Protein backbone atom coordinates (compact mmCIF):
# COMPACT_ATOMS: atom_id res chain seq x y z
CA MET A 1 -5.46 14.35 0.76
CA HIS A 2 -7.71 12.43 3.20
CA PHE A 3 -10.82 10.53 2.07
CA PRO A 4 -12.97 9.42 5.02
CA PRO A 5 -14.57 5.97 4.64
CA PHE A 6 -17.44 5.93 2.15
CA ASP A 7 -19.24 3.49 -0.13
CA ASN A 8 -17.36 3.91 -3.38
CA ARG A 9 -19.70 1.41 -5.12
CA ASN A 10 -16.75 -0.39 -6.73
CA THR A 11 -15.65 2.75 -8.58
CA PRO A 12 -12.06 4.02 -8.27
CA ILE A 13 -11.22 6.08 -5.21
CA ILE A 14 -8.09 7.27 -7.02
CA ASP A 15 -8.72 7.15 -10.76
CA VAL A 16 -6.26 7.45 -13.61
CA ASP A 17 -4.53 10.80 -13.98
CA ASP A 18 -5.59 11.98 -10.53
CA GLY A 19 -4.41 15.56 -10.10
CA ARG A 20 -2.74 14.82 -6.76
CA VAL A 21 -1.15 11.41 -7.36
CA PRO A 22 -1.19 10.79 -11.13
CA LEU A 23 1.16 7.83 -10.76
CA ASN A 24 -1.35 5.89 -8.59
CA TYR A 25 -4.65 4.08 -9.09
CA PHE A 26 -6.80 2.65 -6.28
CA ASN A 27 -10.14 0.89 -6.09
CA ILE A 28 -11.89 -1.13 -3.38
CA VAL A 29 -14.20 -3.78 -4.82
CA LYS A 30 -16.80 -5.43 -2.58
CA LEU A 31 -18.51 -8.61 -3.81
CA ALA A 32 -20.87 -11.30 -2.54
CA ARG A 33 -20.53 -15.00 -3.41
CA GLY A 34 -20.76 -15.54 -7.15
CA GLN A 35 -20.64 -11.86 -8.05
CA GLY A 36 -18.08 -10.72 -10.60
CA PHE A 37 -16.28 -7.48 -11.41
CA GLU A 38 -14.46 -6.64 -14.63
CA TYR A 39 -11.95 -3.89 -15.27
CA ALA A 40 -9.10 -2.75 -17.48
CA VAL A 41 -6.92 0.28 -16.78
CA PRO A 42 -5.07 1.60 -19.85
CA ARG A 43 -1.55 2.92 -19.08
CA TYR A 44 -1.58 1.47 -15.54
CA GLU A 45 -0.35 -1.89 -14.29
CA THR A 46 -2.33 -3.17 -11.31
CA GLY A 47 -2.20 -5.60 -8.42
CA ILE A 48 -5.25 -7.39 -6.98
CA VAL A 49 -5.09 -8.09 -3.22
CA PRO A 50 -8.12 -9.37 -1.26
CA ALA A 51 -8.34 -7.60 2.09
CA THR A 52 -10.76 -10.35 3.12
CA GLY A 53 -12.39 -13.24 1.31
CA THR A 54 -11.39 -15.46 -1.61
CA VAL A 55 -11.64 -14.73 -5.33
CA ASP A 56 -10.87 -16.28 -8.69
CA VAL A 57 -9.05 -13.96 -11.09
CA ASP A 58 -8.93 -14.19 -14.88
CA VAL A 59 -6.41 -12.00 -16.73
CA GLU A 60 -6.89 -12.12 -20.50
CA GLY A 61 -7.72 -15.85 -20.27
CA GLU A 62 -5.03 -16.69 -17.70
CA SER A 63 -6.79 -18.06 -14.59
CA TYR A 64 -5.73 -17.87 -10.95
CA GLU A 65 -8.00 -19.66 -8.50
CA ASP A 66 -8.64 -19.17 -4.79
CA ILE A 67 -6.69 -15.95 -4.28
CA GLY A 68 -6.97 -14.72 -0.68
CA GLN A 69 -7.46 -16.78 2.46
CA ARG A 70 -8.32 -14.15 5.07
CA GLY A 71 -11.59 -14.17 6.96
CA VAL A 72 -12.75 -11.49 9.38
CA ASP A 73 -10.08 -8.82 8.77
CA VAL A 74 -6.58 -8.08 7.46
CA TRP A 75 -5.00 -9.57 10.59
CA ASP A 76 -6.61 -12.96 9.83
CA GLY A 77 -3.86 -14.62 7.80
CA GLU A 78 -1.37 -13.74 5.09
CA PRO A 79 -2.11 -11.66 1.99
CA GLU A 80 -2.20 -13.02 -1.55
CA GLY A 81 -2.50 -11.28 -4.88
CA VAL A 82 -2.31 -11.23 -8.67
CA TYR A 83 -0.19 -8.95 -10.83
CA VAL A 84 -2.16 -7.58 -13.80
CA PRO A 85 -0.27 -6.13 -16.79
CA THR A 86 -0.98 -2.66 -18.14
CA GLY A 87 -4.43 -2.41 -19.70
CA ALA A 88 -5.25 -6.11 -19.35
CA ARG A 89 -8.92 -7.12 -19.29
CA THR A 90 -9.47 -8.71 -15.88
CA ARG A 91 -12.39 -10.41 -14.15
CA ILE A 92 -12.67 -11.04 -10.40
CA VAL A 93 -15.26 -13.53 -9.09
CA CYS A 94 -16.06 -13.94 -5.40
CA LYS A 95 -15.72 -17.52 -4.07
CA SER A 96 -16.39 -16.84 -0.37
CA GLU A 97 -19.52 -15.48 1.27
CA ARG A 98 -18.12 -11.98 0.80
CA ALA A 99 -14.87 -10.43 -0.40
CA GLU A 100 -13.31 -7.00 -0.16
CA VAL A 101 -10.60 -6.56 -2.78
CA PHE A 102 -7.95 -3.87 -3.14
CA VAL A 103 -6.94 -2.97 -6.70
CA ALA A 104 -3.66 -1.03 -6.67
CA GLY A 105 -2.09 0.55 -9.73
CA ALA A 106 0.88 2.51 -11.03
CA ARG A 107 1.34 4.26 -14.35
CA PHE A 108 3.42 2.13 -16.68
CA ASP A 109 3.31 1.86 -20.48
CA ASP A 110 4.93 -1.51 -21.18
CA VAL A 111 2.95 -4.75 -21.01
CA LEU A 112 4.47 -7.55 -18.91
CA MET A 113 3.15 -11.00 -17.94
CA PRO A 114 0.58 -11.72 -15.19
CA PHE A 115 1.39 -13.89 -12.19
CA ALA A 116 -0.02 -14.87 -8.80
CA VAL A 117 1.53 -14.15 -5.41
CA ARG A 118 0.66 -16.81 -2.86
CA ALA A 119 0.98 -16.61 0.92
CA ALA A 120 4.26 -18.55 0.83
CA ASP A 121 5.72 -15.94 -1.55
CA ILE A 122 5.21 -12.94 0.74
CA ASP A 123 8.43 -11.19 1.72
CA LYS A 124 8.23 -10.11 5.38
CA ILE A 125 10.36 -7.87 7.53
CA GLN A 126 9.97 -6.69 11.11
CA TYR A 127 11.89 -3.77 12.58
CA GLY A 128 11.86 -1.10 15.26
CA SER A 129 11.27 -1.70 18.94
CA ASP A 130 8.76 -1.15 21.70
CA ASP A 131 11.25 1.18 23.41
CA THR A 132 11.41 3.51 20.39
CA LYS A 133 7.63 3.22 19.77
CA THR A 134 8.42 2.18 16.19
CA HIS A 135 7.79 -1.58 16.24
CA ARG A 136 6.43 -2.51 12.81
CA LYS A 137 5.92 -5.46 10.45
CA ILE A 138 5.84 -5.12 6.65
CA LYS A 139 4.49 -7.72 4.24
CA HIS A 140 5.69 -7.06 0.68
CA ILE A 141 3.27 -8.42 -1.90
CA LEU A 142 4.86 -6.85 -4.98
CA GLY A 143 8.27 -6.11 -3.55
CA THR A 144 11.97 -6.76 -4.10
CA LYS A 145 11.71 -10.32 -5.41
CA TYR A 146 9.59 -9.19 -8.39
CA ARG A 147 11.87 -6.40 -9.56
CA ASP A 148 12.20 -7.95 -13.05
CA ARG A 149 8.49 -8.80 -13.42
CA VAL A 150 6.82 -5.51 -12.45
CA GLY A 151 7.29 -2.07 -13.99
CA ARG A 152 6.77 0.79 -11.51
CA LEU A 153 4.42 -0.64 -8.89
CA LEU A 154 5.26 -1.48 -5.26
CA VAL A 155 2.50 -2.98 -3.07
CA SER A 156 2.83 -3.84 0.61
CA GLU A 157 0.93 -4.11 3.89
CA LEU A 158 2.25 -2.40 7.01
CA PHE A 159 1.28 -3.30 10.57
CA THR A 160 2.10 -1.66 13.87
CA VAL A 161 3.30 -4.33 16.29
CA GLY A 162 1.68 -4.04 19.69
CA GLN A 163 -0.74 -1.26 20.48
CA GLY A 164 -0.01 2.29 19.44
CA GLY A 165 3.21 3.69 18.02
CA TRP A 166 4.78 5.45 15.07
CA SER A 167 5.20 4.42 11.46
CA GLY A 168 7.06 6.11 8.62
CA PHE A 169 9.52 7.53 11.15
CA PRO A 170 11.96 9.27 10.89
CA PRO A 171 9.92 11.59 8.66
CA HIS A 172 10.83 11.07 5.01
CA LYS A 173 9.67 12.11 1.57
CA HIS A 174 9.93 10.87 -2.02
CA ASP A 175 8.41 13.61 -4.16
CA THR A 176 11.32 14.64 -6.41
CA ASP A 177 13.45 12.73 -8.90
CA ARG A 178 17.02 13.69 -7.97
CA LEU A 179 19.05 10.51 -7.89
CA PRO A 180 20.93 9.32 -5.98
CA LEU A 181 19.30 11.28 -3.13
CA GLU A 182 15.60 10.71 -3.83
CA THR A 183 13.03 9.35 -6.28
CA ARG A 184 9.55 10.61 -7.18
CA HIS A 185 7.03 8.02 -5.96
CA ASP A 186 3.36 8.91 -5.49
CA GLU A 187 1.83 7.02 -2.56
CA THR A 188 -1.67 5.99 -1.49
CA TYR A 189 -2.67 4.40 1.84
CA ASN A 190 -5.81 2.67 3.08
CA PHE A 191 -5.96 2.30 6.87
CA ARG A 192 -7.56 -0.29 9.14
CA PHE A 193 -7.61 -0.47 12.95
CA ARG A 194 -8.08 -3.25 15.51
CA PRO A 195 -10.45 -2.82 17.31
CA ASN A 196 -12.08 -1.05 14.38
CA HIS A 197 -13.10 1.98 16.44
CA GLY A 198 -9.41 2.82 16.78
CA PHE A 199 -7.83 5.90 15.22
CA GLY A 200 -4.57 7.61 14.44
CA LEU A 201 -3.03 10.67 12.82
CA GLN A 202 -1.39 11.13 9.44
CA LEU A 203 1.07 14.03 9.50
CA VAL A 204 2.31 15.89 6.43
CA GLN A 205 5.03 18.51 6.64
CA ARG A 206 5.42 20.14 3.26
CA ASP A 207 8.68 21.97 3.97
CA ASP A 208 11.37 21.42 6.57
CA GLY A 209 11.05 23.94 9.38
CA GLN A 210 7.43 24.85 8.59
CA VAL A 211 4.32 23.76 10.51
CA GLY A 212 2.59 20.87 8.78
CA GLU A 213 -0.89 19.34 8.60
CA ALA A 214 -2.55 16.53 10.57
CA TYR A 215 -5.40 14.28 9.44
CA HIS A 216 -7.62 12.23 11.72
CA ILE A 217 -7.51 8.70 10.25
CA VAL A 218 -10.04 5.99 11.12
CA ASP A 219 -10.85 2.47 9.96
CA GLY A 220 -11.23 2.73 6.17
CA SER A 221 -9.53 6.10 5.69
CA THR A 222 -7.68 6.61 2.41
CA VAL A 223 -4.77 9.06 2.25
CA VAL A 224 -2.88 10.24 -0.83
CA LEU A 225 0.63 11.64 -0.53
CA ASP A 226 1.89 13.85 -3.31
CA ARG A 227 4.72 15.62 -1.50
CA GLY A 228 6.21 16.28 1.91
CA TYR A 229 7.41 14.37 4.97
CA HIS A 230 4.69 11.98 6.15
CA PRO A 231 4.95 9.91 9.35
CA CYS A 232 1.78 8.52 10.94
CA VAL A 233 0.88 7.27 14.40
CA ALA A 234 -1.68 4.95 16.00
CA ALA A 235 -3.31 5.94 19.28
CA PRO A 236 -2.39 3.90 22.38
CA GLY A 237 -4.45 0.72 22.75
CA TYR A 238 -5.00 0.20 19.00
CA GLU A 239 -3.26 -1.76 16.27
CA MET A 240 -2.94 -0.06 12.90
CA TYR A 241 -2.65 -1.48 9.39
CA TYR A 242 -2.25 0.28 6.10
CA PHE A 243 -2.31 -0.98 2.54
CA THR A 244 0.40 0.85 0.62
CA ILE A 245 0.63 1.68 -3.08
CA LEU A 246 3.80 3.27 -4.48
CA GLY A 247 4.16 4.27 -8.11
CA GLY A 248 7.52 5.48 -9.40
CA LEU A 249 7.96 8.17 -12.03
CA SER A 250 11.22 6.94 -13.57
CA GLN A 251 12.06 3.72 -11.73
CA ARG A 252 10.53 1.13 -9.42
CA SER A 253 13.14 1.25 -6.66
CA LEU A 254 12.21 3.74 -3.95
CA VAL A 255 14.83 6.15 -2.59
CA GLN A 256 13.56 7.94 0.52
CA PHE A 257 14.95 11.27 1.64
CA PHE A 258 14.89 11.60 5.42
CA GLN A 259 14.08 14.98 6.90
CA PRO A 260 17.44 16.54 7.81
CA THR A 261 16.24 17.66 11.24
CA HIS A 262 15.42 14.08 12.24
CA ALA A 263 17.60 11.93 9.95
CA TYR A 264 19.93 10.93 12.80
CA GLN A 265 17.06 8.88 14.25
CA VAL A 266 17.74 6.25 11.56
CA GLU A 267 20.64 5.18 13.78
CA THR A 268 18.36 4.71 16.81
CA ILE A 269 15.76 2.33 15.32
CA PRO A 270 16.72 -1.37 15.16
CA GLY A 271 16.48 -2.92 11.71
CA ILE A 272 15.33 0.17 9.85
CA LYS A 273 18.14 0.01 7.29
CA ASP A 274 17.05 -3.52 6.32
CA MET A 275 13.51 -2.17 5.91
CA ILE A 276 14.70 0.64 3.63
CA ALA A 277 16.55 -1.86 1.43
CA LYS A 278 13.35 -3.85 0.80
CA PHE A 279 11.58 -1.08 -1.14
CA LYS A 280 13.28 -1.94 -4.39
């Protein structure tokens, strides 16, 4: 469920057919200038997103140069990325002094076409409020605008606005395919904090009315969500970011089911319905 920060040595943190979130794939690749990394993931489409640094990406001979413009951390500029089709042989080469690269994947059998997502292409939305302690900004990298070019994968970056506050609230889940009420989407997060000694809590309530679980999340924590209601919160005085991977079982569009006990809170949070509509 919770993986504390560790040196994964460029090997997948969530590999194919993971027993908890089989619809997800996640790797963090760290490179120095001139170093390269090659991969191919059969049965999974992937998205490459530099957390920091700049890379060149080659996908089966299709080249995308200077992907990623961020320096010191994920708050230092806008994200960029490359969509990689299922099973495609891909090479990443570091152009900056150093680069830290997220590789996000979702199970998908068909093979589509690769493409780059530049900073100007990012779809942003801000919602919530300081009063409701839910002020948040979302940057969709593989979001609504690519619905016809991506199979099952949704990739976004989520930021708390201000210091401290809740995210993923009201509590919601997406662990069962039962349209039109809900879709099955496995989800993986990687958290960062500013300052980086900040912390937060990831809550998971498996069943409505039952006591749930809480995980102490720090800078670099990875969390996988297979089922249950799952809000998270940043401690006062700290900004929180999390890289989000969603992989759908039967469709790409996400349908969240809000916990009945707290669903009325949707009406109290400014802009949340616009946010919900963006996960398509």
